[in-house]
Amino acid sequence: MLPILPGQEGGGKPVQCYITESAKKRLKNKGARLDQTGSDLARRATRMLTRRVE
């Protein structure tokens, strides 16, 4: 388990993920349908993955 340090909200170091052009296109399309950006969806997916790991 990764402990959350006192005084922090669970935010830590930035995570950089490289995705393919086709994945980028799919994120943009899905984001447009949900009134969000592709970056929002990628961040959400990263948070969900982190929670599973924790």
PDB file of N, CA and C in Angstrom:
ATOM      1  N   MET A   1       0.848  -1.181   0.000  1.00  0.00           N
ATOM      2  CA  MET A   1       0.000   0.000   0.000  1.00  0.00           C
ATOM      3  C   MET A   1       0.888   1.238   0.000  1.00  0.00           C
ATOM      4  N   LEU A   2       0.489   2.214  -0.799  1.00  0.00           N
ATOM      5  CA  LEU A   2       1.238   3.459  -0.872  1.00  0.00           C
ATOM      6  C   LEU A   2       0.604   4.473   0.074  1.00  0.00           C
ATOM      7  N   PRO A   3       1.280   4.828   1.160  1.00  0.00           N
ATOM      8  CA  PRO A   3       0.678   5.752   2.123  1.00  0.00           C
ATOM      9  C   PRO A   3       0.606   7.174   1.574  1.00  0.00           C
ATOM     10  N   ILE A   4      -0.435   7.884   1.972  1.00  0.00           N
ATOM     11  CA  ILE A   4      -0.556   9.301   1.630  1.00  0.00           C
ATOM     12  C   ILE A   4       0.147  10.065   2.739  1.00  0.00           C
ATOM     13  N   LEU A   5       1.072  10.906   2.369  1.00  0.00           N
ATOM     14  CA  LEU A   5       1.839  11.641   3.359  1.00  0.00           C
ATOM     15  C   LEU A   5       0.979  12.687   4.048  1.00  0.00           C
ATOM     16  N   PRO A   6       1.267  12.972   5.332  1.00  0.00           N
ATOM     17  CA  PRO A   6       0.489  13.988   6.057  1.00  0.00           C
ATOM     18  C   PRO A   6       0.552  15.342   5.344  1.00  0.00           C
ATOM     19  N   GLY A   7      -0.592  15.995   5.275  1.00  0.00           N
ATOM     20  CA  GLY A   7      -0.652  17.312   4.651  1.00  0.00           C
ATOM     21  C   GLY A   7      -0.783  17.272   3.135  1.00  0.00           C
ATOM     22  N   GLN A   8      -0.885  16.093   2.559  1.00  0.00           N
ATOM     23  CA  GLN A   8      -1.043  15.987   1.113  1.00  0.00           C
ATOM     24  C   GLN A   8      -2.361  15.310   0.804  1.00  0.00           C
ATOM     25  N   GLU A   9      -2.912  15.603  -0.368  1.00  0.00           N
ATOM     26  CA  GLU A   9      -4.199  15.050  -0.762  1.00  0.00           C
ATOM     27  C   GLU A   9      -4.058  13.772  -1.574  1.00  0.00           C
ATOM     28  N   GLY A  10      -2.899  13.220  -1.630  1.00  0.00           N
ATOM     29  CA  GLY A  10      -2.694  12.041  -2.462  1.00  0.00           C
ATOM     30  C   GLY A  10      -2.023  12.383  -3.768  1.00  0.00           C
ATOM     31  N   GLY A  11      -1.902  13.677  -4.044  1.00  0.00           N
ATOM     32  CA  GLY A  11      -1.179  14.091  -5.240  1.00  0.00           C
ATOM     33  C   GLY A  11       0.299  13.857  -5.020  1.00  0.00           C
ATOM     34  N   GLY A  12       0.985  13.534  -6.051  1.00  0.00           N
ATOM     35  CA  GLY A  12       2.413  13.283  -5.906  1.00  0.00           C
ATOM     36  C   GLY A  12       3.142  13.753  -7.132  1.00  0.00           C
ATOM     37  N   LYS A  13       4.026  12.920  -7.597  1.00  0.00           N
ATOM     38  CA  LYS A  13       4.797  13.264  -8.782  1.00  0.00           C
ATOM     39  C   LYS A  13       3.950  13.060 -10.032  1.00  0.00           C
ATOM     40  N   PRO A  14       4.164  13.891 -11.042  1.00  0.00           N
ATOM     41  CA  PRO A  14       3.409  13.723 -12.279  1.00  0.00           C
ATOM     42  C   PRO A  14       3.755  12.390 -12.947  1.00  0.00           C
ATOM     43  N   VAL A  15       2.764  11.795 -13.563  1.00  0.00           N
ATOM     44  CA  VAL A  15       2.953  10.542 -14.279  1.00  0.00           C
ATOM     45  C   VAL A  15       2.857  10.837 -15.764  1.00  0.00           C
ATOM     46  N   GLN A  16       3.838  10.392 -16.508  1.00  0.00           N
ATOM     47  CA  GLN A  16       3.831  10.638 -17.941  1.00  0.00           C
ATOM     48  C   GLN A  16       3.610   9.308 -18.660  1.00  0.00           C
ATOM     49  N   CYS A  17       2.589   9.270 -19.486  1.00  0.00           N
ATOM     50  CA  CYS A  17       2.262   8.058 -20.243  1.00  0.00           C
ATOM     51  C   CYS A  17       2.283   8.398 -21.726  1.00  0.00           C
ATOM     52  N   TYR A  18       2.874   7.525 -22.484  1.00  0.00           N
ATOM     53  CA  TYR A  18       2.884   7.702 -23.937  1.00  0.00           C
ATOM     54  C   TYR A  18       1.808   6.820 -24.534  1.00  0.00           C
ATOM     55  N   ILE A  19       1.015   7.397 -25.433  1.00  0.00           N
ATOM     56  CA  ILE A  19      -0.058   6.631 -26.063  1.00  0.00           C
ATOM     57  C   ILE A  19       0.092   6.712 -27.578  1.00  0.00           C
ATOM     58  N   THR A  20      -0.497   5.756 -28.253  1.00  0.00           N
ATOM     59  CA  THR A  20      -0.419   5.722 -29.714  1.00  0.00           C
ATOM     60  C   THR A  20      -1.341   6.785 -30.308  1.00  0.00           C
ATOM     61  N   GLU A  21      -1.121   7.080 -31.551  1.00  0.00           N
ATOM     62  CA  GLU A  21      -1.968   8.060 -32.250  1.00  0.00           C
ATOM     63  C   GLU A  21      -3.423   7.601 -32.297  1.00  0.00           C
ATOM     64  N   SER A  22      -3.640   6.296 -32.503  1.00  0.00           N
ATOM     65  CA  SER A  22      -5.024   5.808 -32.567  1.00  0.00           C
ATOM     66  C   SER A  22      -5.708   5.936 -31.202  1.00  0.00           C
ATOM     67  N   ALA A  23      -4.966   5.690 -30.118  1.00  0.00           N
ATOM     68  CA  ALA A  23      -5.540   5.850 -28.775  1.00  0.00           C
ATOM     69  C   ALA A  23      -5.846   7.322 -28.509  1.00  0.00           C
ATOM     70  N   LYS A  24      -4.970   8.195 -28.951  1.00  0.00           N
ATOM     71  CA  LYS A  24      -5.179   9.636 -28.785  1.00  0.00           C
ATOM     72  C   LYS A  24      -6.455  10.071 -29.506  1.00  0.00           C
ATOM     73  N   LYS A  25      -6.645   9.548 -30.713  1.00  0.00           N
ATOM     74  CA  LYS A  25      -7.833   9.874 -31.502  1.00  0.00           C
ATOM     75  C   LYS A  25      -9.102   9.385 -30.793  1.00  0.00           C
ATOM     76  N   ARG A  26      -9.041   8.155 -30.259  1.00  0.00           N
ATOM     77  CA  ARG A  26     -10.207   7.596 -29.556  1.00  0.00           C
ATOM     78  C   ARG A  26     -10.532   8.401 -28.298  1.00  0.00           C
ATOM     79  N   LEU A  27      -9.501   8.825 -27.563  1.00  0.00           N
ATOM     80  CA  LEU A  27      -9.731   9.645 -26.370  1.00  0.00           C
ATOM     81  C   LEU A  27     -10.383  10.971 -26.734  1.00  0.00           C
ATOM     82  N   LYS A  28      -9.915  11.588 -27.800  1.00  0.00           N
ATOM     83  CA  LYS A  28     -10.509  12.868 -28.225  1.00  0.00           C
ATOM     84  C   LYS A  28     -11.969  12.693 -28.616  1.00  0.00           C
ATOM     85  N   ASN A  29     -12.257  11.629 -29.373  1.00  0.00           N
ATOM     86  CA  ASN A  29     -13.632  11.383 -29.808  1.00  0.00           C
ATOM     87  C   ASN A  29     -14.546  11.102 -28.622  1.00  0.00           C
ATOM     88  N   LYS A  30     -14.088  10.252 -27.717  1.00  0.00           N
ATOM     89  CA  LYS A  30     -14.905   9.921 -26.544  1.00  0.00           C
ATOM     90  C   LYS A  30     -15.080  11.152 -25.665  1.00  0.00           C
ATOM     91  N   GLY A  31     -14.016  11.933 -25.506  1.00  0.00           N
ATOM     92  CA  GLY A  31     -14.098  13.160 -24.715  1.00  0.00           C
ATOM     93  C   GLY A  31     -15.100  14.139 -25.286  1.00  0.00           C
ATOM     94  N   ALA A  32     -15.146  14.251 -26.604  1.00  0.00           N
ATOM     95  CA  ALA A  32     -16.095  15.159 -27.254  1.00  0.00           C
ATOM     96  C   ALA A  32     -17.532  14.724 -26.980  1.00  0.00           C
ATOM     97  N   ARG A  33     -17.765  13.415 -26.994  1.00  0.00           N
ATOM     98  CA  ARG A  33     -19.118  12.911 -26.715  1.00  0.00           C
ATOM     99  C   ARG A  33     -19.525  13.159 -25.262  1.00  0.00           C
ATOM    100  N   LEU A  34     -18.552  13.126 -24.339  1.00  0.00           N
ATOM    101  CA  LEU A  34     -18.849  13.282 -22.912  1.00  0.00           C
ATOM    102  C   LEU A  34     -18.629  14.707 -22.414  1.00  0.00           C
ATOM    103  N   ASP A  35     -18.351  15.630 -23.322  1.00  0.00           N
ATOM    104  CA  ASP A  35     -18.077  17.029 -22.982  1.00  0.00           C
ATOM    105  C   ASP A  35     -16.881  17.143 -22.035  1.00  0.00           C
ATOM    106  N   GLN A  36     -15.843  16.369 -22.315  1.00  0.00           N
ATOM    107  CA  GLN A  36     -14.586  16.423 -21.572  1.00  0.00           C
ATOM    108  C   GLN A  36     -13.447  16.410 -22.582  1.00  0.00           C
ATOM    109  N   THR A  37     -12.247  16.680 -22.103  1.00  0.00           N
ATOM    110  CA  THR A  37     -11.099  16.604 -23.003  1.00  0.00           C
ATOM    111  C   THR A  37     -10.494  15.203 -22.936  1.00  0.00           C
ATOM    112  N   GLY A  38      -9.709  14.875 -23.925  1.00  0.00           N
ATOM    113  CA  GLY A  38      -9.008  13.603 -23.906  1.00  0.00           C
ATOM    114  C   GLY A  38      -8.083  13.505 -22.707  1.00  0.00           C
ATOM    115  N   SER A  39      -7.481  14.631 -22.318  1.00  0.00           N
ATOM    116  CA  SER A  39      -6.596  14.656 -21.155  1.00  0.00           C
ATOM    117  C   SER A  39      -7.361  14.326 -19.876  1.00  0.00           C
ATOM    118  N   ASP A  40      -8.583  14.836 -19.760  1.00  0.00           N
ATOM    119  CA  ASP A  40      -9.408  14.531 -18.586  1.00  0.00           C
ATOM    120  C   ASP A  40      -9.637  13.028 -18.477  1.00  0.00           C
ATOM    121  N   LEU A  41      -9.960  12.408 -19.602  1.00  0.00           N
ATOM    122  CA  LEU A  41     -10.217  10.971 -19.604  1.00  0.00           C
ATOM    123  C   LEU A  41      -8.947  10.190 -19.281  1.00  0.00           C
ATOM    124  N   ALA A  42      -7.818  10.626 -19.807  1.00  0.00           N
ATOM    125  CA  ALA A  42      -6.549   9.945 -19.529  1.00  0.00           C
ATOM    126  C   ALA A  42      -6.192  10.070 -18.050  1.00  0.00           C
ATOM    127  N   ARG A  43      -6.406  11.257 -17.467  1.00  0.00           N
ATOM    128  CA  ARG A  43      -6.139  11.446 -16.033  1.00  0.00           C
ATOM    129  C   ARG A  43      -7.033  10.545 -15.195  1.00  0.00           C
ATOM    130  N   ARG A  44      -8.304  10.474 -15.582  1.00  0.00           N
ATOM    131  CA  ARG A  44      -9.244   9.627 -14.843  1.00  0.00           C
ATOM    132  C   ARG A  44      -8.817   8.163 -14.903  1.00  0.00           C
ATOM    133  N   ALA A  45      -8.408   7.718 -16.078  1.00  0.00           N
ATOM    134  CA  ALA A  45      -7.954   6.333 -16.226  1.00  0.00           C
ATOM    135  C   ALA A  45      -6.711   6.063 -15.388  1.00  0.00           C
ATOM    136  N   THR A  46      -5.803   7.039 -15.319  1.00  0.00           N
ATOM    137  CA  THR A  46      -4.597   6.886 -14.508  1.00  0.00           C
ATOM    138  C   THR A  46      -4.959   6.788 -13.032  1.00  0.00           C
ATOM    139  N   ARG A  47      -5.909   7.624 -12.581  1.00  0.00           N
ATOM    140  CA  ARG A  47      -6.348   7.552 -11.175  1.00  0.00           C
ATOM    141  C   ARG A  47      -6.975   6.206 -10.867  1.00  0.00           C
ATOM    142  N   MET A  48      -7.793   5.700 -11.776  1.00  0.00           N
ATOM    143  CA  MET A  48      -8.448   4.410 -11.565  1.00  0.00           C
ATOM    144  C   MET A  48      -7.405   3.285 -11.483  1.00  0.00           C
ATOM    145  N   LEU A  49      -6.420   3.340 -12.349  1.00  0.00           N
ATOM    146  CA  LEU A  49      -5.352   2.335 -12.331  1.00  0.00           C
ATOM    147  C   LEU A  49      -4.565   2.402 -11.030  1.00  0.00           C
ATOM    148  N   THR A  50      -4.256   3.614 -10.581  1.00  0.00           N
ATOM    149  CA  THR A  50      -3.510   3.788  -9.331  1.00  0.00           C
ATOM    150  C   THR A  50      -4.303   3.232  -8.151  1.00  0.00           C
ATOM    151  N   ARG A  51      -5.594   3.479  -8.120  1.00  0.00           N
ATOM    152  CA  ARG A  51      -6.416   2.960  -7.025  1.00  0.00           C
ATOM    153  C   ARG A  51      -6.410   1.426  -6.999  1.00  0.00           C
ATOM    154  N   ARG A  52      -6.435   0.816  -8.188  1.00  0.00           N
ATOM    155  CA  ARG A  52      -6.371  -0.649  -8.244  1.00  0.00           C
ATOM    156  C   ARG A  52      -5.048  -1.159  -7.697  1.00  0.00           C
ATOM    157  N   VAL A  53      -3.972  -0.465  -8.031  1.00  0.00           N
ATOM    158  CA  VAL A  53      -2.644  -0.874  -7.552  1.00  0.00           C
ATOM    159  C   VAL A  53      -2.549  -0.722  -6.038  1.00  0.00           C
ATOM    160  N   GLU A  54      -3.106   0.374  -5.519  1.00  0.00           N
ATOM    161  CA  GLU A  54      -3.066   0.597  -4.064  1.00  0.00           C
ATOM    162  C   GLU A  54      -3.853  -0.494  -3.368  1.00  0.00           C
TER     163      GLU A  54
END
